[in-house]
Amino acid sequence: MNTIILDKECGCFKKSEFENNMNFESKDDALMQAQIMVNHMNSEFCQKHEFSLNENGAEFNISRSDKSASSGCCGGGHCS
């Protein structure tokens, strides 16, 4: 069994149609779904976090990290 695990669920994830701890018979299917999830979360969620994918045997771990604004800008588009 191949599993996709999101380490920290954010509000956007909880509101989405995605599920945590999804299981797949096929490793290829799990990898494709994990990549779809990461791409969608990085492009469509609120942009407060960045998501990355790591493979560990039969587990595909999606990690969440806070985006840091090196310039002190909040990212609202009004600082420049």
PDB file of N, CA and C in Angstrom:
ATOM      1  N   MET A   1       0.847  -1.179   0.000  1.00  0.00           N
ATOM      2  CA  MET A   1       0.000   0.000   0.000  1.00  0.00           C
ATOM      3  C   MET A   1       0.889   1.238   0.000  1.00  0.00           C
ATOM      4  N   ASN A   2       0.564   2.196  -0.829  1.00  0.00           N
ATOM      5  CA  ASN A   2       1.302   3.449  -0.945  1.00  0.00           C
ATOM      6  C   ASN A   2       0.417   4.559  -0.399  1.00  0.00           C
ATOM      7  N   THR A   3       0.987   5.398   0.451  1.00  0.00           N
ATOM      8  CA  THR A   3       0.198   6.385   1.178  1.00  0.00           C
ATOM      9  C   THR A   3       0.727   7.793   0.950  1.00  0.00           C
ATOM     10  N   ILE A   4      -0.207   8.745   0.795  1.00  0.00           N
ATOM     11  CA  ILE A   4       0.135  10.167   0.739  1.00  0.00           C
ATOM     12  C   ILE A   4      -0.207  10.758   2.102  1.00  0.00           C
ATOM     13  N   ILE A   5       0.796  11.363   2.731  1.00  0.00           N
ATOM     14  CA  ILE A   5       0.622  11.911   4.073  1.00  0.00           C
ATOM     15  C   ILE A   5       1.006  13.388   4.070  1.00  0.00           C
ATOM     16  N   LEU A   6       0.093  14.230   4.503  1.00  0.00           N
ATOM     17  CA  LEU A   6       0.365  15.651   4.696  1.00  0.00           C
ATOM     18  C   LEU A   6       0.694  15.848   6.163  1.00  0.00           C
ATOM     19  N   ASP A   7       1.890  16.388   6.454  1.00  0.00           N
ATOM     20  CA  ASP A   7       2.324  16.472   7.849  1.00  0.00           C
ATOM     21  C   ASP A   7       1.534  17.467   8.682  1.00  0.00           C
ATOM     22  N   LYS A   8       1.122  18.584   8.104  1.00  0.00           N
ATOM     23  CA  LYS A   8       0.358  19.597   8.837  1.00  0.00           C
ATOM     24  C   LYS A   8      -0.746  20.117   7.938  1.00  0.00           C
ATOM     25  N   GLU A   9      -1.985  19.870   8.319  1.00  0.00           N
ATOM     26  CA  GLU A   9      -3.110  20.356   7.533  1.00  0.00           C
ATOM     27  C   GLU A   9      -3.381  21.820   7.871  1.00  0.00           C
ATOM     28  N   CYS A  10      -3.457  22.641   6.844  1.00  0.00           N
ATOM     29  CA  CYS A  10      -3.807  24.054   7.038  1.00  0.00           C
ATOM     30  C   CYS A  10      -5.296  24.234   6.751  1.00  0.00           C
ATOM     31  N   GLY A  11      -5.806  25.422   6.997  1.00  0.00           N
ATOM     32  CA  GLY A  11      -7.212  25.704   6.755  1.00  0.00           C
ATOM     33  C   GLY A  11      -7.615  25.498   5.307  1.00  0.00           C
ATOM     34  N   CYS A  12      -6.751  25.904   4.387  1.00  0.00           N
ATOM     35  CA  CYS A  12      -7.053  25.732   2.963  1.00  0.00           C
ATOM     36  C   CYS A  12      -7.193  24.248   2.615  1.00  0.00           C
ATOM     37  N   PHE A  13      -6.326  23.434   3.184  1.00  0.00           N
ATOM     38  CA  PHE A  13      -6.392  21.993   2.916  1.00  0.00           C
ATOM     39  C   PHE A  13      -7.699  21.422   3.457  1.00  0.00           C
ATOM     40  N   LYS A  14      -8.058  21.818   4.666  1.00  0.00           N
ATOM     41  CA  LYS A  14      -9.284  21.305   5.289  1.00  0.00           C
ATOM     42  C   LYS A  14     -10.524  21.691   4.496  1.00  0.00           C
ATOM     43  N   LYS A  15     -10.495  22.847   3.819  1.00  0.00           N
ATOM     44  CA  LYS A  15     -11.626  23.302   3.009  1.00  0.00           C
ATOM     45  C   LYS A  15     -11.624  22.669   1.615  1.00  0.00           C
ATOM     46  N   SER A  16     -10.489  22.097   1.219  1.00  0.00           N
ATOM     47  CA  SER A  16     -10.371  21.539  -0.132  1.00  0.00           C
ATOM     48  C   SER A  16     -11.013  20.152  -0.198  1.00  0.00           C
ATOM     49  N   GLU A  17     -11.049  19.611  -1.408  1.00  0.00           N
ATOM     50  CA  GLU A  17     -11.578  18.266  -1.617  1.00  0.00           C
ATOM     51  C   GLU A  17     -10.514  17.193  -1.400  1.00  0.00           C
ATOM     52  N   PHE A  18      -9.283  17.597  -1.107  1.00  0.00           N
ATOM     53  CA  PHE A  18      -8.212  16.626  -0.886  1.00  0.00           C
ATOM     54  C   PHE A  18      -8.386  15.929   0.458  1.00  0.00           C
ATOM     55  N   GLU A  19      -7.831  14.731   0.546  1.00  0.00           N
ATOM     56  CA  GLU A  19      -7.867  13.956   1.783  1.00  0.00           C
ATOM     57  C   GLU A  19      -6.442  13.655   2.214  1.00  0.00           C
ATOM     58  N   ASN A  20      -6.250  13.583   3.505  1.00  0.00           N
ATOM     59  CA  ASN A  20      -4.954  13.193   4.055  1.00  0.00           C
ATOM     60  C   ASN A  20      -4.943  11.673   4.221  1.00  0.00           C
ATOM     61  N   ASN A  21      -3.761  11.092   4.208  1.00  0.00           N
ATOM     62  CA  ASN A  21      -3.572   9.645   4.401  1.00  0.00           C
ATOM     63  C   ASN A  21      -4.296   8.821   3.338  1.00  0.00           C
ATOM     64  N   MET A  22      -4.203   9.271   2.092  1.00  0.00           N
ATOM     65  CA  MET A  22      -4.813   8.529   0.983  1.00  0.00           C
ATOM     66  C   MET A  22      -3.944   7.326   0.652  1.00  0.00           C
ATOM     67  N   ASN A  23      -4.592   6.179   0.390  1.00  0.00           N
ATOM     68  CA  ASN A  23      -3.879   4.947   0.070  1.00  0.00           C
ATOM     69  C   ASN A  23      -4.107   4.544  -1.380  1.00  0.00           C
ATOM     70  N   PHE A  24      -3.047   4.034  -2.006  1.00  0.00           N
ATOM     71  CA  PHE A  24      -3.086   3.598  -3.396  1.00  0.00           C
ATOM     72  C   PHE A  24      -2.378   2.257  -3.520  1.00  0.00           C
ATOM     73  N   GLU A  25      -2.914   1.395  -4.363  1.00  0.00           N
ATOM     74  CA  GLU A  25      -2.257   0.115  -4.642  1.00  0.00           C
ATOM     75  C   GLU A  25      -0.983   0.341  -5.453  1.00  0.00           C
ATOM     76  N   SER A  26      -1.069   1.248  -6.415  1.00  0.00           N
ATOM     77  CA  SER A  26       0.038   1.508  -7.328  1.00  0.00           C
ATOM     78  C   SER A  26       0.899   2.673  -6.833  1.00  0.00           C
ATOM     79  N   LYS A  27       2.200   2.466  -6.828  1.00  0.00           N
ATOM     80  CA  LYS A  27       3.127   3.533  -6.449  1.00  0.00           C
ATOM     81  C   LYS A  27       3.055   4.691  -7.442  1.00  0.00           C
ATOM     82  N   ASP A  28       2.911   4.374  -8.725  1.00  0.00           N
ATOM     83  CA  ASP A  28       2.810   5.410  -9.754  1.00  0.00           C
ATOM     84  C   ASP A  28       1.568   6.266  -9.551  1.00  0.00           C
ATOM     85  N   ASP A  29       0.442   5.638  -9.210  1.00  0.00           N
ATOM     86  CA  ASP A  29      -0.792   6.392  -8.964  1.00  0.00           C
ATOM     87  C   ASP A  29      -0.632   7.308  -7.755  1.00  0.00           C
ATOM     88  N   ALA A  30       0.004   6.809  -6.702  1.00  0.00           N
ATOM     89  CA  ALA A  30       0.226   7.624  -5.501  1.00  0.00           C
ATOM     90  C   ALA A  30       1.128   8.812  -5.824  1.00  0.00           C
ATOM     91  N   LEU A  31       2.189   8.576  -6.566  1.00  0.00           N
ATOM     92  CA  LEU A  31       3.114   9.649  -6.935  1.00  0.00           C
ATOM     93  C   LEU A  31       2.405  10.700  -7.791  1.00  0.00           C
ATOM     94  N   MET A  32       1.633  10.266  -8.775  1.00  0.00           N
ATOM     95  CA  MET A  32       0.922  11.224  -9.632  1.00  0.00           C
ATOM     96  C   MET A  32      -0.062  12.062  -8.817  1.00  0.00           C
ATOM     97  N   GLN A  33      -0.812  11.435  -7.916  1.00  0.00           N
ATOM     98  CA  GLN A  33      -1.773  12.176  -7.111  1.00  0.00           C
ATOM     99  C   GLN A  33      -1.060  13.142  -6.167  1.00  0.00           C
ATOM    100  N   ALA A  34       0.050  12.718  -5.565  1.00  0.00           N
ATOM    101  CA  ALA A  34       0.810  13.585  -4.661  1.00  0.00           C
ATOM    102  C   ALA A  34       1.339  14.805  -5.408  1.00  0.00           C
ATOM    103  N   GLN A  35       1.828  14.613  -6.625  1.00  0.00           N
ATOM    104  CA  GLN A  35       2.329  15.736  -7.419  1.00  0.00           C
ATOM    105  C   GLN A  35       1.193  16.691  -7.794  1.00  0.00           C
ATOM    106  N   ILE A  36       0.037  16.152  -8.129  1.00  0.00           N
ATOM    107  CA  ILE A  36      -1.124  16.990  -8.434  1.00  0.00           C
ATOM    108  C   ILE A  36      -1.495  17.822  -7.207  1.00  0.00           C
ATOM    109  N   MET A  37      -1.511  17.181  -6.053  1.00  0.00           N
ATOM    110  CA  MET A  37      -1.863  17.883  -4.822  1.00  0.00           C
ATOM    111  C   MET A  37      -0.888  19.014  -4.519  1.00  0.00           C
ATOM    112  N   VAL A  38       0.407  18.733  -4.577  1.00  0.00           N
ATOM    113  CA  VAL A  38       1.423  19.740  -4.264  1.00  0.00           C
ATOM    114  C   VAL A  38       1.328  20.910  -5.243  1.00  0.00           C
ATOM    115  N   ASN A  39       1.209  20.616  -6.519  1.00  0.00           N
ATOM    116  CA  ASN A  39       1.099  21.683  -7.523  1.00  0.00           C
ATOM    117  C   ASN A  39      -0.137  22.537  -7.277  1.00  0.00           C
ATOM    118  N   HIS A  40      -1.256  21.897  -6.995  1.00  0.00           N
ATOM    119  CA  HIS A  40      -2.495  22.638  -6.747  1.00  0.00           C
ATOM    120  C   HIS A  40      -2.377  23.481  -5.476  1.00  0.00           C
ATOM    121  N   MET A  41      -1.867  22.900  -4.423  1.00  0.00           N
ATOM    122  CA  MET A  41      -1.763  23.620  -3.150  1.00  0.00           C
ATOM    123  C   MET A  41      -0.818  24.809  -3.270  1.00  0.00           C
ATOM    124  N   ASN A  42       0.275  24.659  -4.005  1.00  0.00           N
ATOM    125  CA  ASN A  42       1.222  25.771  -4.170  1.00  0.00           C
ATOM    126  C   ASN A  42       0.679  26.873  -5.072  1.00  0.00           C
ATOM    127  N   SER A  43      -0.203  26.540  -5.990  1.00  0.00           N
ATOM    128  CA  SER A  43      -0.698  27.566  -6.909  1.00  0.00           C
ATOM    129  C   SER A  43      -2.074  28.114  -6.533  1.00  0.00           C
ATOM    130  N   GLU A  44      -2.914  27.331  -5.862  1.00  0.00           N
ATOM    131  CA  GLU A  44      -4.295  27.738  -5.623  1.00  0.00           C
ATOM    132  C   GLU A  44      -4.626  28.086  -4.171  1.00  0.00           C
ATOM    133  N   PHE A  45      -3.830  27.629  -3.221  1.00  0.00           N
ATOM    134  CA  PHE A  45      -4.117  27.935  -1.821  1.00  0.00           C
ATOM    135  C   PHE A  45      -3.702  29.365  -1.518  1.00  0.00           C
ATOM    136  N   CYS A  46      -3.870  29.835  -0.292  1.00  0.00           N
ATOM    137  CA  CYS A  46      -3.734  31.248   0.081  1.00  0.00           C
ATOM    138  C   CYS A  46      -2.319  31.820  -0.007  1.00  0.00           C
ATOM    139  N   GLN A  47      -1.336  31.014  -0.288  1.00  0.00           N
ATOM    140  CA  GLN A  47       0.052  31.449  -0.466  1.00  0.00           C
ATOM    141  C   GLN A  47       0.770  31.764   0.844  1.00  0.00           C
ATOM    142  N   LYS A  48       0.207  31.403   1.989  1.00  0.00           N
ATOM    143  CA  LYS A  48       0.897  31.585   3.266  1.00  0.00           C
ATOM    144  C   LYS A  48       1.922  30.479   3.494  1.00  0.00           C
ATOM    145  N   HIS A  49       1.741  29.348   2.781  1.00  0.00           N
ATOM    146  CA  HIS A  49       2.608  28.190   2.969  1.00  0.00           C
ATOM    147  C   HIS A  49       3.164  27.717   1.633  1.00  0.00           C
ATOM    148  N   GLU A  50       4.228  26.967   1.740  1.00  0.00           N
ATOM    149  CA  GLU A  50       4.803  26.307   0.571  1.00  0.00           C
ATOM    150  C   GLU A  50       4.806  24.818   0.870  1.00  0.00           C
ATOM    151  N   PHE A  51       4.434  24.022  -0.118  1.00  0.00           N
ATOM    152  CA  PHE A  51       4.319  22.584   0.056  1.00  0.00           C
ATOM    153  C   PHE A  51       5.371  21.884  -0.794  1.00  0.00           C
ATOM    154  N   SER A  52       5.986  20.843  -0.229  1.00  0.00           N
ATOM    155  CA  SER A  52       6.997  20.084  -0.967  1.00  0.00           C
ATOM    156  C   SER A  52       6.745  18.595  -0.763  1.00  0.00           C
ATOM    157  N   LEU A  53       7.189  17.803  -1.718  1.00  0.00           N
ATOM    158  CA  LEU A  53       6.945  16.366  -1.731  1.00  0.00           C
ATOM    159  C   LEU A  53       8.247  15.612  -1.544  1.00  0.00           C
ATOM    160  N   ASN A  54       8.216  14.625  -0.646  1.00  0.00           N
ATOM    161  CA  ASN A  54       9.354  13.734  -0.426  1.00  0.00           C
ATOM    162  C   ASN A  54       8.855  12.297  -0.424  1.00  0.00           C
ATOM    163  N   GLU A  55       9.604  11.422  -1.085  1.00  0.00           N
ATOM    164  CA  GLU A  55       9.245  10.009  -1.127  1.00  0.00           C
ATOM    165  C   GLU A  55      10.086   9.251  -0.105  1.00  0.00           C
ATOM    166  N   ASN A  56       9.429   8.385   0.656  1.00  0.00           N
ATOM    167  CA  ASN A  56      10.110   7.561   1.646  1.00  0.00           C
ATOM    168  C   ASN A  56       9.534   6.152   1.549  1.00  0.00           C
ATOM    169  N   GLY A  57      10.087   5.361   0.648  1.00  0.00           N
ATOM    170  CA  GLY A  57       9.577   4.008   0.433  1.00  0.00           C
ATOM    171  C   GLY A  57       8.184   4.047  -0.150  1.00  0.00           C
ATOM    172  N   ALA A  58       7.204   3.533   0.602  1.00  0.00           N
ATOM    173  CA  ALA A  58       5.818   3.492   0.146  1.00  0.00           C
ATOM    174  C   ALA A  58       5.031   4.704   0.622  1.00  0.00           C
ATOM    175  N   GLU A  59       5.705   5.660   1.239  1.00  0.00           N
ATOM    176  CA  GLU A  59       5.039   6.870   1.714  1.00  0.00           C
ATOM    177  C   GLU A  59       5.483   8.075   0.902  1.00  0.00           C
ATOM    178  N   PHE A  60       4.503   8.908   0.554  1.00  0.00           N
ATOM    179  CA  PHE A  60       4.763  10.173  -0.109  1.00  0.00           C
ATOM    180  C   PHE A  60       4.367  11.258   0.874  1.00  0.00           C
ATOM    181  N   ASN A  61       5.367  11.915   1.439  1.00  0.00           N
ATOM    182  CA  ASN A  61       5.143  12.908   2.480  1.00  0.00           C
ATOM    183  C   ASN A  61       5.112  14.305   1.886  1.00  0.00           C
ATOM    184  N   ILE A  62       4.023  15.014   2.167  1.00  0.00           N
ATOM    185  CA  ILE A  62       3.892  16.402   1.751  1.00  0.00           C
ATOM    186  C   ILE A  62       4.132  17.259   2.983  1.00  0.00           C
ATOM    187  N   SER A  63       5.171  18.083   2.901  1.00  0.00           N
ATOM    188  CA  SER A  63       5.539  18.950   4.023  1.00  0.00           C
ATOM    189  C   SER A  63       5.051  20.362   3.764  1.00  0.00           C
ATOM    190  N   ARG A  64       4.679  21.030   4.837  1.00  0.00           N
ATOM    191  CA  ARG A  64       4.221  22.414   4.763  1.00  0.00           C
ATOM    192  C   ARG A  64       5.209  23.289   5.510  1.00  0.00           C
ATOM    193  N   SER A  65       5.606  24.381   4.878  1.00  0.00           N
ATOM    194  CA  SER A  65       6.458  25.354   5.552  1.00  0.00           C
ATOM    195  C   SER A  65       5.894  26.740   5.306  1.00  0.00           C
ATOM    196  N   ASP A  66       6.124  27.624   6.252  1.00  0.00           N
ATOM    197  CA  ASP A  66       5.660  29.000   6.109  1.00  0.00           C
ATOM    198  C   ASP A  66       6.529  29.715   5.095  1.00  0.00           C
ATOM    199  N   LYS A  67       5.890  30.488   4.236  1.00  0.00           N
ATOM    200  CA  LYS A  67       6.658  31.315   3.303  1.00  0.00           C
ATOM    201  C   LYS A  67       7.217  32.483   4.082  1.00  0.00           C
ATOM    202  N   SER A  68       8.467  32.783   3.830  1.00  0.00           N
ATOM    203  CA  SER A  68       9.074  33.922   4.511  1.00  0.00           C
ATOM    204  C   SER A  68       9.250  35.058   3.524  1.00  0.00           C
ATOM    205  N   ALA A  69       8.923  36.238   3.973  1.00  0.00           N
ATOM    206  CA  ALA A  69       9.100  37.434   3.136  1.00  0.00           C
ATOM    207  C   ALA A  69      10.403  38.093   3.559  1.00  0.00           C
ATOM    208  N   SER A  70      11.438  37.896   2.774  1.00  0.00           N
ATOM    209  CA  SER A  70      12.769  38.416   3.144  1.00  0.00           C
ATOM    210  C   SER A  70      12.812  39.936   3.184  1.00  0.00           C
ATOM    211  N   SER A  71      11.921  40.591   2.430  1.00  0.00           N
ATOM    212  CA  SER A  71      11.933  42.046   2.386  1.00  0.00           C
ATOM    213  C   SER A  71      11.031  42.650   3.456  1.00  0.00           C
ATOM    214  N   GLY A  72      10.334  41.811   4.215  1.00  0.00           N
ATOM    215  CA  GLY A  72       9.402  42.316   5.193  1.00  0.00           C
ATOM    216  C   GLY A  72       8.030  42.582   4.592  1.00  0.00           C
ATOM    217  N   CYS A  73       7.889  42.313   3.320  1.00  0.00           N
ATOM    218  CA  CYS A  73       6.613  42.519   2.625  1.00  0.00           C
ATOM    219  C   CYS A  73       5.667  41.380   2.997  1.00  0.00           C
ATOM    220  N   CYS A  74       4.405  41.709   3.158  1.00  0.00           N
ATOM    221  CA  CYS A  74       3.400  40.709   3.515  1.00  0.00           C
ATOM    222  C   CYS A  74       2.946  39.901   2.313  1.00  0.00           C
ATOM    223  N   GLY A  75       3.291  40.326   1.122  1.00  0.00           N
ATOM    224  CA  GLY A  75       2.889  39.606  -0.081  1.00  0.00           C
ATOM    225  C   GLY A  75       1.568  40.076  -0.638  1.00  0.00           C
ATOM    226  N   GLY A  76       1.026  41.153  -0.112  1.00  0.00           N
ATOM    227  CA  GLY A  76      -0.256  41.666  -0.559  1.00  0.00           C
ATOM    228  C   GLY A  76      -0.216  42.423  -1.870  1.00  0.00           C
ATOM    229  N   GLY A  77       0.973  42.685  -2.392  1.00  0.00           N
ATOM    230  CA  GLY A  77       1.112  43.344  -3.673  1.00  0.00           C
ATOM    231  C   GLY A  77       1.133  44.866  -3.584  1.00  0.00           C
ATOM    232  N   HIS A  78       1.060  45.427  -2.414  1.00  0.00           N
ATOM    233  CA  HIS A  78       1.022  46.889  -2.291  1.00  0.00           C
ATOM    234  C   HIS A  78       2.340  47.490  -1.799  1.00  0.00           C
ATOM    235  N   CYS A  79       3.354  46.667  -1.606  1.00  0.00           N
ATOM    236  CA  CYS A  79       4.637  47.166  -1.089  1.00  0.00           C
ATOM    237  C   CYS A  79       5.573  47.674  -2.181  1.00  0.00           C
ATOM    238  N   SER A  80       5.326  47.306  -3.420  1.00  0.00           N
ATOM    239  CA  SER A  80       6.259  47.708  -4.480  1.00  0.00           C
ATOM    240  C   SER A  80       5.776  48.864  -5.291  1.00  0.00           C
TER     241      SER A  80
END
